[in-house]
């Protein structure tokens, strides 16, 4: 892919939804790129996925997420610029090596 530069943390983290026991897996490369709920994609780049500390509302970066911290995961719609066919390839999940179409885009 276009990304995957040395120095960028890449990996995934799995969170349990305390309300219903669903598992939310977040794929990341220096930022959160894809959210899968019980294995099904529910949010992805180019939208912005943010993880917030449930208690303080402070953002929790990819390199700071830790077991035992209760978090909220939110999706912010991408600016229209990023969904334009000229620019979408730059932020498409496949640009990060993720074999998935963007969630919520036609």
Protein backbone atom coordinates (compact mmCIF):
# COMPACT_ATOMS: atom_id res chain seq x y z
CA UNK A 1 0.00 0.00 0.00
CA UNK A 2 0.90 3.65 -0.02
CA UNK A 3 1.30 3.71 3.74
CA UNK A 4 3.22 1.43 6.05
CA UNK A 5 6.16 3.73 6.65
CA UNK A 6 8.72 2.79 9.28
CA UNK A 7 8.02 4.50 12.58
CA UNK A 8 4.25 4.20 12.33
CA UNK A 9 2.68 1.90 14.91
CA UNK A 10 0.58 -0.75 13.21
CA UNK A 11 -1.68 -3.29 14.85
CA UNK A 12 -5.11 -3.91 16.27
CA UNK A 13 -6.88 -3.75 19.58
CA UNK A 14 -10.04 -5.58 20.63
CA UNK A 15 -12.54 -3.95 22.97
CA UNK A 16 -15.56 -5.52 24.67
CA UNK A 17 -18.85 -3.62 24.70
CA UNK A 18 -19.93 -3.83 28.32
CA UNK A 19 -23.59 -3.33 27.31
CA UNK A 20 -24.04 -6.40 25.12
CA UNK A 21 -20.71 -8.25 25.05
CA UNK A 22 -20.03 -7.48 21.38
CA UNK A 23 -16.37 -7.32 20.38
CA UNK A 24 -15.07 -4.24 18.58
CA UNK A 25 -11.73 -4.67 16.84
CA UNK A 26 -9.90 -1.53 15.77
CA UNK A 27 -7.25 -1.79 13.07
CA UNK A 28 -4.67 0.98 13.25
CA UNK A 29 -1.58 2.43 11.68
CA UNK A 30 -0.68 5.48 13.75
CA UNK A 31 -4.42 6.25 13.72
CA UNK A 32 -7.59 4.21 13.90
CA UNK A 33 -8.52 3.05 10.39
CA UNK A 34 -11.20 0.36 10.63
CA UNK A 35 -13.72 -0.77 13.24
CA UNK A 36 -15.23 -4.25 13.09
CA UNK A 37 -18.09 -5.20 15.39
CA UNK A 38 -18.18 -8.97 15.87
CA UNK A 39 -16.16 -9.24 12.65
CA UNK A 40 -18.34 -6.99 10.46
CA UNK A 41 -16.96 -3.61 9.31
CA UNK A 42 -18.94 -0.75 10.88
CA UNK A 43 -16.67 2.28 10.31
CA UNK A 44 -13.52 3.04 8.34
CA UNK A 45 -11.25 5.61 6.86
CA UNK A 46 -11.80 8.14 5.25
CA UNK A 47 -14.09 8.83 8.23
CA UNK A 48 -12.22 9.75 11.39
CA UNK A 49 -12.35 7.12 14.12
CA UNK A 50 -11.58 8.44 17.59
CA UNK A 51 -11.19 6.68 20.91
CA UNK A 52 -12.01 8.78 23.97
CA UNK A 53 -11.43 8.06 27.64
CA UNK A 54 -14.97 7.47 28.97
CA UNK A 55 -14.24 9.22 32.25
CA UNK A 56 -12.42 12.33 31.01
CA UNK A 57 -13.35 12.59 27.32
CA UNK A 58 -9.66 12.92 26.46
CA UNK A 59 -8.50 11.30 23.21
CA UNK A 60 -6.68 7.99 23.54
CA UNK A 61 -4.04 7.58 20.83
CA UNK A 62 -3.12 4.25 19.26
CA UNK A 63 0.10 4.04 21.23
CA UNK A 64 -1.62 4.93 24.53
CA UNK A 65 -4.59 2.55 24.56
CA UNK A 66 -4.30 0.14 27.50
CA UNK A 67 -6.27 -2.68 29.08
CA UNK A 68 -8.63 -1.63 31.82
CA UNK A 69 -9.41 1.86 30.53
CA UNK A 70 -13.09 2.35 29.69
CA UNK A 71 -13.36 4.11 26.34
CA UNK A 72 -15.92 5.40 23.87
CA UNK A 73 -15.34 4.97 20.13
CA UNK A 74 -16.79 7.65 17.86
CA UNK A 75 -16.92 8.11 14.10
CA UNK A 76 -16.75 11.55 12.54
CA UNK A 77 -17.80 11.87 8.90
CA UNK A 78 -14.96 12.64 6.52
CA UNK A 79 -14.79 16.04 4.90
CA UNK A 80 -16.26 15.80 1.37
CA UNK A 81 -12.78 16.45 -0.02
CA UNK A 82 -11.63 12.98 1.08
CA UNK A 83 -14.55 11.18 -0.58
CA UNK A 84 -13.87 12.86 -3.94
CA UNK A 85 -12.77 10.17 -6.45
CA UNK A 86 -9.50 12.07 -7.01
CA UNK A 87 -8.51 11.88 -3.32
CA UNK A 88 -10.27 8.79 -1.98
CA UNK A 89 -7.44 6.45 -3.12
CA UNK A 90 -5.09 8.23 -0.70
CA UNK A 91 -7.26 7.42 2.35
CA UNK A 92 -9.03 4.27 1.11
CA UNK A 93 -8.60 1.33 3.50
CA UNK A 94 -6.63 -0.48 0.77
CA UNK A 95 -4.08 2.35 0.81
CA UNK A 96 -3.22 1.01 4.29
CA UNK A 97 -3.19 -2.63 3.20
CA UNK A 98 -6.70 -3.33 4.56
CA UNK A 99 -8.78 -5.45 2.18
CA UNK A 100 -12.07 -3.62 2.71
CA UNK A 101 -14.11 -0.97 0.94
CA UNK A 102 -14.80 2.24 2.86
CA UNK A 103 -17.80 1.75 5.14
CA UNK A 104 -20.80 3.91 4.26
CA UNK A 105 -19.61 5.13 0.86
CA UNK A 106 -21.44 4.19 -2.35
